[in-house]
Each structure stands twice: as structure tokens, then as C-alpha cells.
Amino acid sequence: KSTVALARTRFGLTEGDGPAMTFLPF
């Protein structure tokens, strides 16, 4: 969560509409 928050704060990144994503849990 903090990695997502830092990226948004630093560069204004948003999830948006992108390619299909398949997540691999830790």
C-alpha cells in the first residue's frame, strides 16, 4: 500500500484503463 501511495505522490500515477493484469501474490 505504501509503495502505491509513494508512486502516486511522486508521479501522480493512477490505475486507469490498461492491459489485462494477472497478479502473483507473495
mmCIF file of all heavy atoms, coordinates in Angstrom:
data_MODEL
# 
_entry.id   MODEL 
# 
loop_
_atom_site.group_PDB 
_atom_site.id 
_atom_site.type_symbol 
_atom_site.label_atom_id 
_atom_site.label_alt_id 
_atom_site.label_comp_id 
_atom_site.label_asym_id 
_atom_site.label_entity_id 
_atom_site.label_seq_id 
_atom_site.pdbx_PDB_ins_code 
_atom_site.Cartn_x 
_atom_site.Cartn_y 
_atom_site.Cartn_z 
_atom_site.occupancy 
_atom_site.B_iso_or_equiv 
_atom_site.pdbx_formal_charge 
_atom_site.auth_seq_id 
_atom_site.auth_comp_id 
_atom_site.auth_asym_id 
_atom_site.auth_atom_id 
_atom_site.pdbx_PDB_model_num 
ATOM 1   N N   . LYS A 1 1  ? 0.831   -1.207  0.000   1.00 0.00 ? 1  LYS A N   1 
ATOM 2   C CA  . LYS A 1 1  ? 0.000   0.000   0.000   1.00 0.00 ? 1  LYS A CA  1 
ATOM 3   C C   . LYS A 1 1  ? 0.869   1.261   0.000   1.00 0.00 ? 1  LYS A C   1 
ATOM 4   O O   . LYS A 1 1  ? 0.539   2.242   -0.683  1.00 0.00 ? 1  LYS A O   1 
ATOM 5   C CB  . LYS A 1 1  ? -0.913  -0.008  1.224   1.00 0.00 ? 1  LYS A CB  1 
ATOM 6   C CG  . LYS A 1 1  ? -2.019  -1.051  1.161   1.00 0.00 ? 1  LYS A CG  1 
ATOM 7   C CD  . LYS A 1 1  ? -2.897  -0.979  2.406   1.00 0.00 ? 1  LYS A CD  1 
ATOM 8   C CE  . LYS A 1 1  ? -4.043  -1.976  2.335   1.00 0.00 ? 1  LYS A CE  1 
ATOM 9   N NZ  . LYS A 1 1  ? -4.895  -1.941  3.536   1.00 0.00 ? 1  LYS A NZ  1 
ATOM 10  N N   . SER A 1 2  ? 1.940   1.237   0.777   1.00 0.00 ? 2  SER A N   1 
ATOM 11  C CA  . SER A 1 2  ? 2.790   2.427   0.841   1.00 0.00 ? 2  SER A CA  1 
ATOM 12  C C   . SER A 1 2  ? 3.551   2.639   -0.468  1.00 0.00 ? 2  SER A C   1 
ATOM 13  O O   . SER A 1 2  ? 3.844   3.782   -0.843  1.00 0.00 ? 2  SER A O   1 
ATOM 14  C CB  . SER A 1 2  ? 3.766   2.318   2.010   1.00 0.00 ? 2  SER A CB  1 
ATOM 15  O OG  . SER A 1 2  ? 4.660   1.233   1.832   1.00 0.00 ? 2  SER A OG  1 
ATOM 16  N N   . THR A 1 3  ? 3.883   1.551   -1.183  1.00 0.00 ? 3  THR A N   1 
ATOM 17  C CA  . THR A 1 3  ? 4.540   1.689   -2.493  1.00 0.00 ? 3  THR A CA  1 
ATOM 18  C C   . THR A 1 3  ? 3.608   2.369   -3.483  1.00 0.00 ? 3  THR A C   1 
ATOM 19  O O   . THR A 1 3  ? 4.012   3.280   -4.230  1.00 0.00 ? 3  THR A O   1 
ATOM 20  C CB  . THR A 1 3  ? 4.962   0.311   -3.026  1.00 0.00 ? 3  THR A CB  1 
ATOM 21  O OG1 . THR A 1 3  ? 5.896   -0.274  -2.120  1.00 0.00 ? 3  THR A OG1 1 
ATOM 22  C CG2 . THR A 1 3  ? 5.611   0.428   -4.397  1.00 0.00 ? 3  THR A CG2 1 
ATOM 23  N N   . VAL A 1 4  ? 2.347   1.941   -3.503  1.00 0.00 ? 4  VAL A N   1 
ATOM 24  C CA  . VAL A 1 4  ? 1.345   2.579   -4.375  1.00 0.00 ? 4  VAL A CA  1 
ATOM 25  C C   . VAL A 1 4  ? 1.188   4.049   -3.998  1.00 0.00 ? 4  VAL A C   1 
ATOM 26  O O   . VAL A 1 4  ? 1.153   4.933   -4.868  1.00 0.00 ? 4  VAL A O   1 
ATOM 27  C CB  . VAL A 1 4  ? -0.005  1.836   -4.263  1.00 0.00 ? 4  VAL A CB  1 
ATOM 28  C CG1 . VAL A 1 4  ? -1.105  2.613   -4.979  1.00 0.00 ? 4  VAL A CG1 1 
ATOM 29  C CG2 . VAL A 1 4  ? 0.108   0.425   -4.839  1.00 0.00 ? 4  VAL A CG2 1 
ATOM 30  N N   . ALA A 1 5  ? 1.110   4.331   -2.693  1.00 0.00 ? 5  ALA A N   1 
ATOM 31  C CA  . ALA A 1 5  ? 0.925   5.713   -2.246  1.00 0.00 ? 5  ALA A CA  1 
ATOM 32  C C   . ALA A 1 5  ? 2.118   6.581   -2.626  1.00 0.00 ? 5  ALA A C   1 
ATOM 33  O O   . ALA A 1 5  ? 1.948   7.737   -3.052  1.00 0.00 ? 5  ALA A O   1 
ATOM 34  C CB  . ALA A 1 5  ? 0.710   5.738   -0.735  1.00 0.00 ? 5  ALA A CB  1 
ATOM 35  N N   . LEU A 1 6  ? 3.334   6.042   -2.483  1.00 0.00 ? 6  LEU A N   1 
ATOM 36  C CA  . LEU A 1 6  ? 4.532   6.819   -2.821  1.00 0.00 ? 6  LEU A CA  1 
ATOM 37  C C   . LEU A 1 6  ? 4.585   7.115   -4.315  1.00 0.00 ? 6  LEU A C   1 
ATOM 38  O O   . LEU A 1 6  ? 4.919   8.241   -4.724  1.00 0.00 ? 6  LEU A O   1 
ATOM 39  C CB  . LEU A 1 6  ? 5.785   6.057   -2.385  1.00 0.00 ? 6  LEU A CB  1 
ATOM 40  C CG  . LEU A 1 6  ? 7.131   6.755   -2.660  1.00 0.00 ? 6  LEU A CG  1 
ATOM 41  C CD1 . LEU A 1 6  ? 7.211   8.076   -1.906  1.00 0.00 ? 6  LEU A CD1 1 
ATOM 42  C CD2 . LEU A 1 6  ? 8.296   5.835   -2.279  1.00 0.00 ? 6  LEU A CD2 1 
ATOM 43  N N   . ALA A 1 7  ? 4.246   6.144   -5.155  1.00 0.00 ? 7  ALA A N   1 
ATOM 44  C CA  . ALA A 1 7  ? 4.252   6.353   -6.603  1.00 0.00 ? 7  ALA A CA  1 
ATOM 45  C C   . ALA A 1 7  ? 3.216   7.398   -7.004  1.00 0.00 ? 7  ALA A C   1 
ATOM 46  O O   . ALA A 1 7  ? 3.459   8.230   -7.888  1.00 0.00 ? 7  ALA A O   1 
ATOM 47  C CB  . ALA A 1 7  ? 3.990   5.034   -7.317  1.00 0.00 ? 7  ALA A CB  1 
ATOM 48  N N   . ARG A 1 8  ? 2.069   7.362   -6.382  1.00 0.00 ? 8  ARG A N   1 
ATOM 49  C CA  . ARG A 1 8  ? 1.034   8.353   -6.682  1.00 0.00 ? 8  ARG A CA  1 
ATOM 50  C C   . ARG A 1 8  ? 1.484   9.744   -6.246  1.00 0.00 ? 8  ARG A C   1 
ATOM 51  O O   . ARG A 1 8  ? 1.262   10.733  -6.954  1.00 0.00 ? 8  ARG A O   1 
ATOM 52  C CB  . ARG A 1 8  ? -0.265  7.964   -5.975  1.00 0.00 ? 8  ARG A CB  1 
ATOM 53  C CG  . ARG A 1 8  ? -1.024  6.844   -6.675  1.00 0.00 ? 8  ARG A CG  1 
ATOM 54  C CD  . ARG A 1 8  ? -2.244  6.422   -5.885  1.00 0.00 ? 8  ARG A CD  1 
ATOM 55  N NE  . ARG A 1 8  ? -3.053  5.464   -6.641  1.00 0.00 ? 8  ARG A NE  1 
ATOM 56  C CZ  . ARG A 1 8  ? -3.943  4.654   -6.112  1.00 0.00 ? 8  ARG A CZ  1 
ATOM 57  N NH1 . ARG A 1 8  ? -4.132  4.664   -4.786  1.00 0.00 ? 8  ARG A NH1 1 
ATOM 58  N NH2 . ARG A 1 8  ? -4.644  3.829   -6.872  1.00 0.00 ? 8  ARG A NH2 1 
ATOM 59  N N   . THR A 1 9  ? 2.110   9.820   -5.084  1.00 0.00 ? 9  THR A N   1 
ATOM 60  C CA  . THR A 1 9  ? 2.558   11.119  -4.577  1.00 0.00 ? 9  THR A CA  1 
ATOM 61  C C   . THR A 1 9  ? 3.677   11.703  -5.438  1.00 0.00 ? 9  THR A C   1 
ATOM 62  O O   . THR A 1 9  ? 3.680   12.896  -5.760  1.00 0.00 ? 9  THR A O   1 
ATOM 63  C CB  . THR A 1 9  ? 3.040   10.974  -3.120  1.00 0.00 ? 9  THR A CB  1 
ATOM 64  O OG1 . THR A 1 9  ? 1.973   10.459  -2.315  1.00 0.00 ? 9  THR A OG1 1 
ATOM 65  C CG2 . THR A 1 9  ? 3.484   12.311  -2.561  1.00 0.00 ? 9  THR A CG2 1 
ATOM 66  N N   . ARG A 1 10 ? 4.633   10.855  -5.814  1.00 0.00 ? 10 ARG A N   1 
ATOM 67  C CA  . ARG A 1 10 ? 5.802   11.332  -6.563  1.00 0.00 ? 10 ARG A CA  1 
ATOM 68  C C   . ARG A 1 10 ? 5.480   11.670  -8.013  1.00 0.00 ? 10 ARG A C   1 
ATOM 69  O O   . ARG A 1 10 ? 5.953   12.669  -8.548  1.00 0.00 ? 10 ARG A O   1 
ATOM 70  C CB  . ARG A 1 10 ? 6.912   10.281  -6.526  1.00 0.00 ? 10 ARG A CB  1 
ATOM 71  C CG  . ARG A 1 10 ? 7.545   10.056  -5.165  1.00 0.00 ? 10 ARG A CG  1 
ATOM 72  C CD  . ARG A 1 10 ? 8.619   11.086  -4.833  1.00 0.00 ? 10 ARG A CD  1 
ATOM 73  N NE  . ARG A 1 10 ? 9.789   10.922  -5.670  1.00 0.00 ? 10 ARG A NE  1 
ATOM 74  C CZ  . ARG A 1 10 ? 10.263  11.844  -6.517  1.00 0.00 ? 10 ARG A CZ  1 
ATOM 75  N NH1 . ARG A 1 10 ? 9.656   13.010  -6.632  1.00 0.00 ? 10 ARG A NH1 1 
ATOM 76  N NH2 . ARG A 1 10 ? 11.348  11.616  -7.234  1.00 0.00 ? 10 ARG A NH2 1 
ATOM 77  N N   . PHE A 1 11 ? 4.643   10.831  -8.652  1.00 0.00 ? 11 PHE A N   1 
ATOM 78  C CA  . PHE A 1 11 ? 4.450   10.992  -10.102 1.00 0.00 ? 11 PHE A CA  1 
ATOM 79  C C   . PHE A 1 11 ? 2.979   11.045  -10.527 1.00 0.00 ? 11 PHE A C   1 
ATOM 80  O O   . PHE A 1 11 ? 2.689   11.079  -11.727 1.00 0.00 ? 11 PHE A O   1 
ATOM 81  C CB  . PHE A 1 11 ? 5.144   9.837   -10.861 1.00 0.00 ? 11 PHE A CB  1 
ATOM 82  C CG  . PHE A 1 11 ? 6.623   9.774   -10.611 1.00 0.00 ? 11 PHE A CG  1 
ATOM 83  C CD1 . PHE A 1 11 ? 7.172   8.833   -9.754  1.00 0.00 ? 11 PHE A CD1 1 
ATOM 84  C CD2 . PHE A 1 11 ? 7.481   10.685  -11.232 1.00 0.00 ? 11 PHE A CD2 1 
ATOM 85  C CE1 . PHE A 1 11 ? 8.538   8.773   -9.521  1.00 0.00 ? 11 PHE A CE1 1 
ATOM 86  C CE2 . PHE A 1 11 ? 8.852   10.633  -11.006 1.00 0.00 ? 11 PHE A CE2 1 
ATOM 87  C CZ  . PHE A 1 11 ? 9.382   9.675   -10.144 1.00 0.00 ? 11 PHE A CZ  1 
ATOM 88  N N   . GLY A 1 12 ? 2.073   11.058  -9.580  1.00 0.00 ? 12 GLY A N   1 
ATOM 89  C CA  . GLY A 1 12 ? 0.658   11.163  -9.924  1.00 0.00 ? 12 GLY A CA  1 
ATOM 90  C C   . GLY A 1 12 ? 0.128   9.964   -10.682 1.00 0.00 ? 12 GLY A C   1 
ATOM 91  O O   . GLY A 1 12 ? -0.815  10.109  -11.492 1.00 0.00 ? 12 GLY A O   1 
ATOM 92  N N   . LEU A 1 13 ? 0.682   8.788   -10.472 1.00 0.00 ? 13 LEU A N   1 
ATOM 93  C CA  . LEU A 1 13 ? 0.249   7.597   -11.201 1.00 0.00 ? 13 LEU A CA  1 
ATOM 94  C C   . LEU A 1 13 ? -1.136  7.163   -10.748 1.00 0.00 ? 13 LEU A C   1 
ATOM 95  O O   . LEU A 1 13 ? -1.489  7.256   -9.574  1.00 0.00 ? 13 LEU A O   1 
ATOM 96  C CB  . LEU A 1 13 ? 1.237   6.453   -10.982 1.00 0.00 ? 13 LEU A CB  1 
ATOM 97  C CG  . LEU A 1 13 ? 2.683   6.690   -11.445 1.00 0.00 ? 13 LEU A CG  1 
ATOM 98  C CD1 . LEU A 1 13 ? 3.535   5.468   -11.145 1.00 0.00 ? 13 LEU A CD1 1 
ATOM 99  C CD2 . LEU A 1 13 ? 2.724   7.023   -12.935 1.00 0.00 ? 13 LEU A CD2 1 
ATOM 100 N N   . THR A 1 14 ? -1.938  6.703   -11.720 1.00 0.00 ? 14 THR A N   1 
ATOM 101 C CA  . THR A 1 14 ? -3.264  6.171   -11.432 1.00 0.00 ? 14 THR A CA  1 
ATOM 102 C C   . THR A 1 14 ? -3.427  4.841   -12.140 1.00 0.00 ? 14 THR A C   1 
ATOM 103 O O   . THR A 1 14 ? -2.743  4.554   -13.132 1.00 0.00 ? 14 THR A O   1 
ATOM 104 C CB  . THR A 1 14 ? -4.369  7.130   -11.897 1.00 0.00 ? 14 THR A CB  1 
ATOM 105 O OG1 . THR A 1 14 ? -4.231  7.367   -13.301 1.00 0.00 ? 14 THR A OG1 1 
ATOM 106 C CG2 . THR A 1 14 ? -4.302  8.454   -11.160 1.00 0.00 ? 14 THR A CG2 1 
ATOM 107 N N   . GLU A 1 15 ? -4.364  4.031   -11.672 1.00 0.00 ? 15 GLU A N   1 
ATOM 108 C CA  . GLU A 1 15 ? -4.543  2.703   -12.246 1.00 0.00 ? 15 GLU A CA  1 
ATOM 109 C C   . GLU A 1 15 ? -5.068  2.788   -13.671 1.00 0.00 ? 15 GLU A C   1 
ATOM 110 O O   . GLU A 1 15 ? -4.530  2.183   -14.586 1.00 0.00 ? 15 GLU A O   1 
ATOM 111 C CB  . GLU A 1 15 ? -5.493  1.889   -11.367 1.00 0.00 ? 15 GLU A CB  1 
ATOM 112 C CG  . GLU A 1 15 ? -5.637  0.452   -11.808 1.00 0.00 ? 15 GLU A CG  1 
ATOM 113 C CD  . GLU A 1 15 ? -6.439  -0.349  -10.799 1.00 0.00 ? 15 GLU A CD  1 
ATOM 114 O OE1 . GLU A 1 15 ? -6.770  0.189   -9.736  1.00 0.00 ? 15 GLU A OE1 1 
ATOM 115 O OE2 . GLU A 1 15 ? -6.741  -1.512  -11.093 1.00 0.00 ? 15 GLU A OE2 1 
ATOM 116 N N   . GLY A 1 16 ? -6.127  3.579   -13.884 1.00 0.00 ? 16 GLY A N   1 
ATOM 117 C CA  . GLY A 1 16 ? -6.656  3.829   -15.232 1.00 0.00 ? 16 GLY A CA  1 
ATOM 118 C C   . GLY A 1 16 ? -7.067  2.554   -15.954 1.00 0.00 ? 16 GLY A C   1 
ATOM 119 O O   . GLY A 1 16 ? -7.214  1.483   -15.369 1.00 0.00 ? 16 GLY A O   1 
ATOM 120 N N   . ASP A 1 17 ? -7.273  2.681   -17.254 1.00 0.00 ? 17 ASP A N   1 
ATOM 121 C CA  . ASP A 1 17 ? -7.613  1.540   -18.097 1.00 0.00 ? 17 ASP A CA  1 
ATOM 122 C C   . ASP A 1 17 ? -6.362  1.084   -18.812 1.00 0.00 ? 17 ASP A C   1 
ATOM 123 O O   . ASP A 1 17 ? -5.846  1.747   -19.708 1.00 0.00 ? 17 ASP A O   1 
ATOM 124 C CB  . ASP A 1 17 ? -8.690  1.932   -19.127 1.00 0.00 ? 17 ASP A CB  1 
ATOM 125 C CG  . ASP A 1 17 ? -10.007 2.289   -18.458 1.00 0.00 ? 17 ASP A CG  1 
ATOM 126 O OD1 . ASP A 1 17 ? -10.311 1.667   -17.423 1.00 0.00 ? 17 ASP A OD1 1 
ATOM 127 O OD2 . ASP A 1 17 ? -10.708 3.190   -18.953 1.00 0.00 ? 17 ASP A OD2 1 
ATOM 128 N N   . GLY A 1 18 ? -5.849  -0.021  -18.435 1.00 0.00 ? 18 GLY A N   1 
ATOM 129 C CA  . GLY A 1 18 ? -4.632  -0.545  -19.049 1.00 0.00 ? 18 GLY A CA  1 
ATOM 130 C C   . GLY A 1 18 ? -4.834  -1.961  -19.512 1.00 0.00 ? 18 GLY A C   1 
ATOM 131 O O   . GLY A 1 18 ? -5.966  -2.465  -19.596 1.00 0.00 ? 18 GLY A O   1 
ATOM 132 N N   . PRO A 1 19 ? -3.763  -2.633  -19.832 1.00 0.00 ? 19 PRO A N   1 
ATOM 133 C CA  . PRO A 1 19 ? -3.859  -4.022  -20.274 1.00 0.00 ? 19 PRO A CA  1 
ATOM 134 C C   . PRO A 1 19 ? -4.345  -4.927  -19.152 1.00 0.00 ? 19 PRO A C   1 
ATOM 135 O O   . PRO A 1 19 ? -4.313  -4.569  -17.974 1.00 0.00 ? 19 PRO A O   1 
ATOM 136 C CB  . PRO A 1 19 ? -2.410  -4.345  -20.660 1.00 0.00 ? 19 PRO A CB  1 
ATOM 137 C CG  . PRO A 1 19 ? -1.579  -3.410  -19.840 1.00 0.00 ? 19 PRO A CG  1 
ATOM 138 C CD  . PRO A 1 19 ? -2.374  -2.156  -19.742 1.00 0.00 ? 19 PRO A CD  1 
ATOM 139 N N   . ALA A 1 20 ? -4.822  -6.101  -19.535 1.00 0.00 ? 20 ALA A N   1 
ATOM 140 C CA  . ALA A 1 20 ? -5.262  -7.080  -18.548 1.00 0.00 ? 20 ALA A CA  1 
ATOM 141 C C   . ALA A 1 20 ? -4.085  -7.454  -17.657 1.00 0.00 ? 20 ALA A C   1 
ATOM 142 O O   . ALA A 1 20 ? -2.966  -7.647  -18.130 1.00 0.00 ? 20 ALA A O   1 
ATOM 143 C CB  . ALA A 1 20 ? -5.826  -8.309  -19.247 1.00 0.00 ? 20 ALA A CB  1 
ATOM 144 N N   . MET A 1 21 ? -4.368  -7.556  -16.376 1.00 0.00 ? 21 MET A N   1 
ATOM 145 C CA  . MET A 1 21 ? -3.297  -7.828  -15.411 1.00 0.00 ? 21 MET A CA  1 
ATOM 146 C C   . MET A 1 21 ? -3.609  -9.090  -14.618 1.00 0.00 ? 21 MET A C   1 
ATOM 147 O O   . MET A 1 21 ? -4.746  -9.278  -14.164 1.00 0.00 ? 21 MET A O   1 
ATOM 148 C CB  . MET A 1 21 ? -3.127  -6.632  -14.460 1.00 0.00 ? 21 MET A CB  1 
ATOM 149 C CG  . MET A 1 21 ? -2.612  -5.369  -15.133 1.00 0.00 ? 21 MET A CG  1 
ATOM 150 S SD  . MET A 1 21 ? -2.304  -4.005  -13.962 1.00 0.00 ? 21 MET A SD  1 
ATOM 151 C CE  . MET A 1 21 ? -3.977  -3.501  -13.595 1.00 0.00 ? 21 MET A CE  1 
ATOM 152 N N   . THR A 1 22 ? -2.613  -9.898  -14.440 1.00 0.00 ? 22 THR A N   1 
ATOM 153 C CA  . THR A 1 22 ? -2.720  -11.088 -13.603 1.00 0.00 ? 22 THR A CA  1 
ATOM 154 C C   . THR A 1 22 ? -1.712  -10.950 -12.467 1.00 0.00 ? 22 THR A C   1 
ATOM 155 O O   . THR A 1 22 ? -0.503  -10.900 -12.702 1.00 0.00 ? 22 THR A O   1 
ATOM 156 C CB  . THR A 1 22 ? -2.414  -12.365 -14.400 1.00 0.00 ? 22 THR A CB  1 
ATOM 157 O OG1 . THR A 1 22 ? -3.313  -12.444 -15.512 1.00 0.00 ? 22 THR A OG1 1 
ATOM 158 C CG2 . THR A 1 22 ? -2.571  -13.597 -13.522 1.00 0.00 ? 22 THR A CG2 1 
ATOM 159 N N   . PHE A 1 23 ? -2.231  -10.874 -11.263 1.00 0.00 ? 23 PHE A N   1 
ATOM 160 C CA  . PHE A 1 23 ? -1.356  -10.608 -10.110 1.00 0.00 ? 23 PHE A CA  1 
ATOM 161 C C   . PHE A 1 23 ? -0.859  -11.910 -9.504  1.00 0.00 ? 23 PHE A C   1 
ATOM 162 O O   . PHE A 1 23 ? -1.583  -12.904 -9.412  1.00 0.00 ? 23 PHE A O   1 
ATOM 163 C CB  . PHE A 1 23 ? -2.104  -9.794  -9.054  1.00 0.00 ? 23 PHE A CB  1 
ATOM 164 C CG  . PHE A 1 23 ? -2.429  -8.404  -9.490  1.00 0.00 ? 23 PHE A CG  1 
ATOM 165 C CD1 . PHE A 1 23 ? -3.700  -8.089  -9.965  1.00 0.00 ? 23 PHE A CD1 1 
ATOM 166 C CD2 . PHE A 1 23 ? -1.469  -7.406  -9.449  1.00 0.00 ? 23 PHE A CD2 1 
ATOM 167 C CE1 . PHE A 1 23 ? -4.000  -6.799  -10.375 1.00 0.00 ? 23 PHE A CE1 1 
ATOM 168 C CE2 . PHE A 1 23 ? -1.767  -6.122  -9.861  1.00 0.00 ? 23 PHE A CE2 1 
ATOM 169 C CZ  . PHE A 1 23 ? -3.037  -5.823  -10.331 1.00 0.00 ? 23 PHE A CZ  1 
ATOM 170 N N   . LEU A 1 24 ? 0.387   -11.877 -9.080  1.00 0.00 ? 24 LEU A N   1 
ATOM 171 C CA  . LEU A 1 24 ? 1.004   -13.008 -8.398  1.00 0.00 ? 24 LEU A CA  1 
ATOM 172 C C   . LEU A 1 24 ? 1.232   -12.620 -6.942  1.00 0.00 ? 24 LEU A C   1 
ATOM 173 O O   . LEU A 1 24 ? 2.035   -11.720 -6.656  1.00 0.00 ? 24 LEU A O   1 
ATOM 174 C CB  . LEU A 1 24 ? 2.352   -13.375 -9.044  1.00 0.00 ? 24 LEU A CB  1 
ATOM 175 C CG  . LEU A 1 24 ? 2.303   -14.194 -10.330 1.00 0.00 ? 24 LEU A CG  1 
ATOM 176 C CD1 . LEU A 1 24 ? 1.858   -13.305 -11.503 1.00 0.00 ? 24 LEU A CD1 1 
ATOM 177 C CD2 . LEU A 1 24 ? 3.666   -14.801 -10.619 1.00 0.00 ? 24 LEU A CD2 1 
ATOM 178 N N   . PRO A 1 25 ? 0.509   -13.239 -6.011  1.00 0.00 ? 25 PRO A N   1 
ATOM 179 C CA  . PRO A 1 25 ? 0.688   -12.878 -4.599  1.00 0.00 ? 25 PRO A CA  1 
ATOM 180 C C   . PRO A 1 25 ? 2.053   -13.304 -4.099  1.00 0.00 ? 25 PRO A C   1 
ATOM 181 O O   . PRO A 1 25 ? 2.705   -14.182 -4.677  1.00 0.00 ? 25 PRO A O   1 
ATOM 182 C CB  . PRO A 1 25 ? -0.431  -13.654 -3.894  1.00 0.00 ? 25 PRO A CB  1 
ATOM 183 C CG  . PRO A 1 25 ? -0.721  -14.805 -4.793  1.00 0.00 ? 25 PRO A CG  1 
ATOM 184 C CD  . PRO A 1 25 ? -0.500  -14.301 -6.199  1.00 0.00 ? 25 PRO A CD  1 
ATOM 185 N N   . PHE A 1 26 ? 2.460   -12.676 -2.998  1.00 0.00 ? 26 PHE A N   1 
ATOM 186 C CA  . PHE A 1 26 ? 3.756   -13.017 -2.416  1.00 0.00 ? 26 PHE A CA  1 
ATOM 187 C C   . PHE A 1 26 ? 3.758   -14.460 -1.947  1.00 0.00 ? 26 PHE A C   1 
ATOM 188 O O   . PHE A 1 26 ? 2.771   -14.957 -1.387  1.00 0.00 ? 26 PHE A O   1 
ATOM 189 C CB  . PHE A 1 26 ? 4.070   -12.096 -1.232  1.00 0.00 ? 26 PHE A CB  1 
ATOM 190 C CG  . PHE A 1 26 ? 5.341   -12.449 -0.516  1.00 0.00 ? 26 PHE A CG  1 
ATOM 191 C CD1 . PHE A 1 26 ? 6.571   -12.026 -1.006  1.00 0.00 ? 26 PHE A CD1 1 
ATOM 192 C CD2 . PHE A 1 26 ? 5.310   -13.226 0.642   1.00 0.00 ? 26 PHE A CD2 1 
ATOM 193 C CE1 . PHE A 1 26 ? 7.750   -12.365 -0.348  1.00 0.00 ? 26 PHE A CE1 1 
ATOM 194 C CE2 . PHE A 1 26 ? 6.476   -13.561 1.300   1.00 0.00 ? 26 PHE A CE2 1 
ATOM 195 C CZ  . PHE A 1 26 ? 7.702   -13.127 0.797   1.00 0.00 ? 26 PHE A CZ  1 
# 
